[in-house]
C-alpha atoms as a PDB file:
ATOM      1  CA  MET A   1     181.782 136.699  25.298  1.00  0.00           C
ATOM      2  CA  SER A   2     181.339 137.747  28.930  1.00  0.00           C
ATOM      3  CA  LEU A   3     180.570 135.264  31.731  1.00  0.00           C
ATOM      4  CA  GLU A   4     177.073 136.741  31.940  1.00  0.00           C
ATOM      5  CA  ASP A   5     176.509 136.068  28.224  1.00  0.00           C
ATOM      6  CA  GLU A   6     177.906 132.549  28.573  1.00  0.00           C
ATOM      7  CA  PHE A   7     175.546 132.007  31.526  1.00  0.00           C
ATOM      8  CA  ARG A   8     172.498 133.103  29.514  1.00  0.00           C
ATOM      9  CA  ASP A   9     173.514 131.172  26.384  1.00  0.00           C
ATOM     10  CA  ASN A  10     174.253 127.791  27.983  1.00  0.00           C
ATOM     11  CA  PRO A  11     171.835 125.556  29.857  1.00  0.00           C
ATOM     12  CA  GLU A  12     172.784 124.142  33.248  1.00  0.00           C
ATOM     13  CA  GLU A  13     173.654 120.444  33.031  1.00  0.00           C
ATOM     14  CA  THR A  14     174.033 117.906  35.830  1.00  0.00           C
ATOM     15  CA  PRO A  15     176.561 115.209  34.891  1.00  0.00           C
ATOM     16  CA  TRP A  16     176.348 113.641  38.385  1.00  0.00           C
ATOM     17  CA  GLU A  17     174.006 113.904  41.393  1.00  0.00           C
ATOM     18  CA  GLY A  18     174.234 112.170  44.731  1.00  0.00           C
ATOM     19  CA  ARG A  19     171.957 112.278  47.764  1.00  0.00           C
ATOM     20  CA  PHE A  20     173.169 115.678  48.965  1.00  0.00           C
ATOM     21  CA  ILE A  21     175.301 117.301  46.223  1.00  0.00           C
ATOM     22  CA  ALA A  22     175.332 117.610  42.444  1.00  0.00           C
ATOM     23  CA  ALA A  23     178.169 118.374  40.014  1.00  0.00           C
ATOM     24  CA  LYS A  24     176.976 120.904  37.459  1.00  0.00           C
ATOM     25  CA  THR A  25     178.232 122.587  34.314  1.00  0.00           C
ATOM     26  CA  ARG A  26     177.135 125.647  32.399  1.00  0.00           C
ATOM     27  CA  GLY A  27     179.255 126.288  29.324  1.00  0.00           C
ATOM     28  CA  ARG A  28     182.885 125.927  30.381  1.00  0.00           C
ATOM     29  CA  TRP A  29     182.071 126.532  34.065  1.00  0.00           C
ATOM     30  CA  GLU A  30     182.024 123.640  36.566  1.00  0.00           C
ATOM     31  CA  TYR A  31     180.541 123.935  40.045  1.00  0.00           C
ATOM     32  CA  VAL A  32     178.794 122.063  42.810  1.00  0.00           C
ATOM     33  CA  SER A  33     175.359 122.609  44.298  1.00  0.00           C
ATOM     34  CA  ARG A  34     173.210 121.028  46.970  1.00  0.00           C
ATOM     35  CA  ALA A  35     170.782 118.468  45.594  1.00  0.00           C
ATOM     36  CA  ARG A  36     167.109 119.453  45.678  1.00  0.00           C
ATOM     37  CA  ASN A  37     168.081 123.107  46.321  1.00  0.00           C
ATOM     38  CA  ILE A  38     168.775 122.399  49.988  1.00  0.00           C
ATOM     39  CA  ARG A  39     170.031 125.452  51.880  1.00  0.00           C
ATOM     40  CA  ALA A  40     171.957 125.794  55.101  1.00  0.00           C
ATOM     41  CA  ALA A  41     171.485 127.628  58.400  1.00  0.00           C
ATOM     42  CA  VAL A  42     174.509 128.905  60.311  1.00  0.00           C
ATOM     43  CA  ILE A  43     174.122 130.042  63.920  1.00  0.00           C
ATOM     44  CA  LEU A  44     176.032 132.692  65.844  1.00  0.00           C
ATOM     45  CA  ALA A  45     175.385 131.921  69.524  1.00  0.00           C
ATOM     46  CA  MET A  46     176.920 133.563  72.551  1.00  0.00           C
ATOM     47  CA  THR A  47     176.396 132.892  76.245  1.00  0.00           C
ATOM     48  CA  GLU A  48     175.725 135.619  78.812  1.00  0.00           C
ATOM     49  CA  ALA A  49     179.373 135.266  79.829  1.00  0.00           C
ATOM     50  CA  ARG A  50     180.319 136.351  76.276  1.00  0.00           C
ATOM     51  CA  ASP A  51     181.565 132.943  75.201  1.00  0.00           C
ATOM     52  CA  VAL A  52     180.931 132.158  71.563  1.00  0.00           C
ATOM     53  CA  ILE A  53     179.636 128.605  71.078  1.00  0.00           C
ATOM     54  CA  LEU A  54     181.649 126.818  68.405  1.00  0.00           C
ATOM     55  CA  VAL A  55     181.721 123.226  67.251  1.00  0.00           C
ATOM     56  CA  GLU A  56     184.539 120.944  66.166  1.00  0.00           C
ATOM     57  CA  GLN A  57     183.839 118.173  63.706  1.00  0.00           C
ATOM     58  CA  PHE A  58     186.047 115.918  61.616  1.00  0.00           C
ATOM     59  CA  ARG A  59     185.566 116.856  57.971  1.00  0.00           C
ATOM     60  CA  VAL A  60     186.394 114.135  55.468  1.00  0.00           C
ATOM     61  CA  PRO A  61     187.261 116.523  52.547  1.00  0.00           C
ATOM     62  CA  LEU A  62     189.840 118.221  54.776  1.00  0.00           C
ATOM     63  CA  GLY A  63     191.100 115.078  56.457  1.00  0.00           C
ATOM     64  CA  ARG A  64     191.079 116.767  59.862  1.00  0.00           C
ATOM     65  CA  PRO A  65     188.831 118.397  62.456  1.00  0.00           C
ATOM     66  CA  CYS A  66     187.420 121.809  61.674  1.00  0.00           C
ATOM     67  CA  LEU A  67     186.371 124.602  64.050  1.00  0.00           C
ATOM     68  CA  GLU A  68     183.043 126.034  62.926  1.00  0.00           C
ATOM     69  CA  LEU A  69     179.965 127.958  63.889  1.00  0.00           C
ATOM     70  CA  PRO A  70     177.077 125.529  64.519  1.00  0.00           C
ATOM     71  CA  ALA A  71     175.214 124.848  61.278  1.00  0.00           C
ATOM     72  CA  GLY A  72     172.960 122.444  59.475  1.00  0.00           C
ATOM     73  CA  LEU A  73     170.847 121.818  56.462  1.00  0.00           C
ATOM     74  CA  ILE A  74     167.368 123.192  55.976  1.00  0.00           C
ATOM     75  CA  GLY A  75     164.915 120.589  54.681  1.00  0.00           C
ATOM     76  CA  ASP A  76     167.535 117.894  54.337  1.00  0.00           C
ATOM     77  CA  ASP A  77     165.100 115.041  53.954  1.00  0.00           C
ATOM     78  CA  ASP A  78     162.139 114.499  51.651  1.00  0.00           C
ATOM     79  CA  SER A  79     159.609 114.998  54.436  1.00  0.00           C
ATOM     80  CA  SER A  80     160.908 118.472  55.402  1.00  0.00           C
ATOM     81  CA  GLN A  81     161.655 120.215  52.083  1.00  0.00           C
ATOM     82  CA  ASP A  82     159.593 123.267  53.096  1.00  0.00           C
ATOM     83  CA  GLU A  83     161.160 123.546  56.564  1.00  0.00           C
ATOM     84  CA  ASP A  84     161.307 127.073  57.950  1.00  0.00           C
ATOM     85  CA  ALA A  85     164.939 128.240  58.115  1.00  0.00           C
ATOM     86  CA  SER A  86     164.659 129.605  61.685  1.00  0.00           C
ATOM     87  CA  LEU A  87     163.218 126.290  62.897  1.00  0.00           C
ATOM     88  CA  ALA A  88     166.071 124.427  61.239  1.00  0.00           C
ATOM     89  CA  ALA A  89     168.566 126.786  62.898  1.00  0.00           C
ATOM     90  CA  SER A  90     166.929 126.156  66.314  1.00  0.00           C
ATOM     91  CA  ARG A  91     166.982 122.396  65.749  1.00  0.00           C
ATOM     92  CA  GLU A  92     170.588 122.345  64.639  1.00  0.00           C
ATOM     93  CA  LEU A  93     171.794 124.562  67.483  1.00  0.00           C
ATOM     94  CA  GLU A  94     170.219 122.242  70.039  1.00  0.00           C
ATOM     95  CA  GLU A  95     171.412 119.026  68.322  1.00  0.00           C
ATOM     96  CA  GLU A  96     174.982 120.223  67.902  1.00  0.00           C
ATOM     97  CA  THR A  97     175.579 122.327  71.015  1.00  0.00           C
ATOM     98  CA  GLY A  98     172.911 121.400  73.530  1.00  0.00           C
ATOM     99  CA  TYR A  99     171.663 124.996  73.685  1.00  0.00           C
ATOM    100  CA  ARG A 100     168.080 126.057  73.065  1.00  0.00           C
ATOM    101  CA  ALA A 101     167.363 129.619  71.903  1.00  0.00           C
ATOM    102  CA  THR A 102     164.219 131.581  72.667  1.00  0.00           C
ATOM    103  CA  ARG A 103     164.578 133.480  69.368  1.00  0.00           C
ATOM    104  CA  MET A 104     166.511 133.234  66.106  1.00  0.00           C
ATOM    105  CA  GLU A 105     167.273 136.489  64.288  1.00  0.00           C
ATOM    106  CA  ALA A 106     168.039 136.161  60.567  1.00  0.00           C
ATOM    107  CA  LEU A 107     171.082 138.303  59.682  1.00  0.00           C
ATOM    108  CA  GLY A 108     171.027 137.642  55.931  1.00  0.00           C
ATOM    109  CA  GLU A 109     171.904 135.183  53.183  1.00  0.00           C
ATOM    110  CA  PHE A 110     175.569 134.599  52.312  1.00  0.00           C
ATOM    111  CA  TRP A 111     177.703 132.505  49.912  1.00  0.00           C
ATOM    112  CA  SER A 112     181.032 131.141  51.135  1.00  0.00           C
ATOM    113  CA  SER A 113     182.736 130.074  47.900  1.00  0.00           C
ATOM    114  CA  PRO A 114     180.694 131.539  45.017  1.00  0.00           C
ATOM    115  CA  GLY A 115     183.154 130.616  42.270  1.00  0.00           C
ATOM    116  CA  MET A 116     182.788 126.910  42.991  1.00  0.00           C
ATOM    117  CA  VAL A 117     179.657 126.262  45.058  1.00  0.00           C
ATOM    118  CA  SER A 118     176.154 127.631  44.489  1.00  0.00           C
ATOM    119  CA  GLU A 119     175.077 126.855  48.069  1.00  0.00           C
ATOM    120  CA  SER A 120     174.024 129.751  50.247  1.00  0.00           C
ATOM    121  CA  PHE A 121     173.459 129.895  53.974  1.00  0.00           C
ATOM    122  CA  THR A 122     171.318 132.077  56.182  1.00  0.00           C
ATOM    123  CA  LEU A 123     173.215 133.408  59.150  1.00  0.00           C
ATOM    124  CA  PHE A 124     171.164 133.506  62.366  1.00  0.00           C
ATOM    125  CA  ARG A 125     171.913 135.133  65.724  1.00  0.00           C
ATOM    126  CA  ALA A 126     170.596 133.045  68.609  1.00  0.00           C
ATOM    127  CA  HIS A 127     169.031 134.900  71.544  1.00  0.00           C
ATOM    128  CA  GLY A 128     168.034 133.736  75.012  1.00  0.00           C
ATOM    129  CA  LEU A 129     170.196 130.622  75.308  1.00  0.00           C
ATOM    130  CA  THR A 130     169.498 127.827  77.785  1.00  0.00           C
ATOM    131  CA  ARG A 131     171.683 124.717  78.089  1.00  0.00           C
ATOM    132  CA  VAL A 132     169.406 121.672  77.785  1.00  0.00           C
ATOM    133  CA  SER A 133     171.881 118.885  76.941  1.00  0.00           C
ATOM    134  CA  ALA A 134     175.525 118.159  76.210  1.00  0.00           C
ATOM    135  CA  GLY A 135     175.036 118.493  72.447  1.00  0.00           C
ATOM    136  CA  GLY A 136     177.366 116.563  70.163  1.00  0.00           C
ATOM    137  CA  GLY A 137     175.061 116.163  67.179  1.00  0.00           C
ATOM    138  CA  VAL A 138     173.259 113.099  65.988  1.00  0.00           C
ATOM    139  CA  GLU A 139     174.848 109.655  65.987  1.00  0.00           C
ATOM    140  CA  GLY A 140     178.000 109.528  63.914  1.00  0.00           C
ATOM    141  CA  GLU A 141     178.660 113.263  63.780  1.00  0.00           C
ATOM    142  CA  GLY A 142     181.165 113.276  66.644  1.00  0.00           C
ATOM    143  CA  ILE A 143     180.774 116.980  67.389  1.00  0.00           C
ATOM    144  CA  THR A 144     182.715 118.599  70.224  1.00  0.00           C
ATOM    145  CA  VAL A 145     181.306 121.800  71.685  1.00  0.00           C
ATOM    146  CA  HIS A 146     183.697 124.679  72.411  1.00  0.00           C
ATOM    147  CA  HIS A 147     183.123 127.835  74.461  1.00  0.00           C
ATOM    148  CA  ALA A 148     185.464 130.502  73.123  1.00  0.00           C
ATOM    149  CA  PRO A 149     185.772 133.862  74.919  1.00  0.00           C
ATOM    150  CA  LEU A 150     184.740 136.607  72.530  1.00  0.00           C
ATOM    151  CA  ASP A 151     187.307 138.987  74.077  1.00  0.00           C
ATOM    152  CA  ASP A 152     190.141 136.637  72.995  1.00  0.00           C
ATOM    153  CA  ILE A 153     188.576 134.982  69.962  1.00  0.00           C
ATOM    154  CA  ALA A 154     191.620 135.639  67.799  1.00  0.00           C
ATOM    155  CA  GLY A 155     193.881 133.911  70.337  1.00  0.00           C
ATOM    156  CA  TYR A 156     191.463 131.024  70.694  1.00  0.00           C
ATOM    157  CA  VAL A 157     191.307 130.484  66.926  1.00  0.00           C
ATOM    158  CA  ALA A 158     195.078 130.788  66.591  1.00  0.00           C
ATOM    159  CA  ALA A 159     195.580 128.138  69.294  1.00  0.00           C
ATOM    160  CA  ARG A 160     193.204 125.726  67.536  1.00  0.00           C
ATOM    161  CA  ARG A 161     194.974 126.379  64.234  1.00  0.00           C
ATOM    162  CA  ALA A 162     198.368 125.667  65.909  1.00  0.00           C
ATOM    163  CA  GLU A 163     196.923 122.322  67.054  1.00  0.00           C
ATOM    164  CA  GLY A 164     196.331 121.477  63.373  1.00  0.00           C
ATOM    165  CA  MET A 165     192.619 122.180  63.301  1.00  0.00           C
ATOM    166  CA  ALA A 166     191.084 123.617  60.125  1.00  0.00           C
ATOM    167  CA  ILE A 167     189.194 126.893  60.550  1.00  0.00           C
ATOM    168  CA  ASP A 168     185.891 127.422  58.714  1.00  0.00           C
ATOM    169  CA  VAL A 169     185.712 130.707  56.759  1.00  0.00           C
ATOM    170  CA  LYS A 170     182.546 131.684  58.679  1.00  0.00           C
ATOM    171  CA  ILE A 171     184.730 132.180  61.777  1.00  0.00           C
ATOM    172  CA  LEU A 172     185.763 135.441  60.042  1.00  0.00           C
ATOM    173  CA  THR A 173     182.430 136.863  61.225  1.00  0.00           C
ATOM    174  CA  LEU A 174     184.053 136.864  64.686  1.00  0.00           C
ATOM    175  CA  LEU A 175     187.532 137.989  63.637  1.00  0.00           C
ATOM    176  CA  GLY A 176     186.524 140.642  61.110  1.00  0.00           C
ATOM    177  CA  PRO A 177     186.856 143.849  63.176  1.00  0.00           C
ATOM    178  CA  GLY A 178     190.209 142.636  64.601  1.00  0.00           C
ATOM    179  CA  LEU A 179     191.558 141.987  61.130  1.00  0.00           C
ATOM    180  CA  LEU A 180     190.864 145.560  60.025  1.00  0.00           C
ATOM    181  CA  MET A 181     192.701 147.288  62.894  1.00  0.00           C
END
């Protein structure tokens, strides 16, 4: 029996669900999803000086800080389940980094770990940035804003890794062309 057949022949079951995630099974397959079909917005933002805006946040599952593109959940509370993805991206960019964008361009939907997690994210490119605050996220997030020069992004990421920081897979969007040469 192929995985596709197994998928069709077995109903999805949810043995456990919390506020934000759910453990699911389908046949012999185990995976995790966001509760209530919540999606994520990830933002690629660059200043006029060609600095990529990144965030650092302690991540409990990793037990250490992680360098990431700014991101957040779309419709993460009951009152905003139908939230527009570009509005969520704008909100999260400003909360986390202190930058406001005049326009968000959707670059597509992506999955970061499709063998284990059903969550997708929409990648946005922020245009027309203006610094309006220090950022840092909402209370308790402890976000540090980084300005990484695009021309030396590989060196910047390597230096953070050498400091013991985890690197989010979405950083590959910045390293990709350099990895292929």
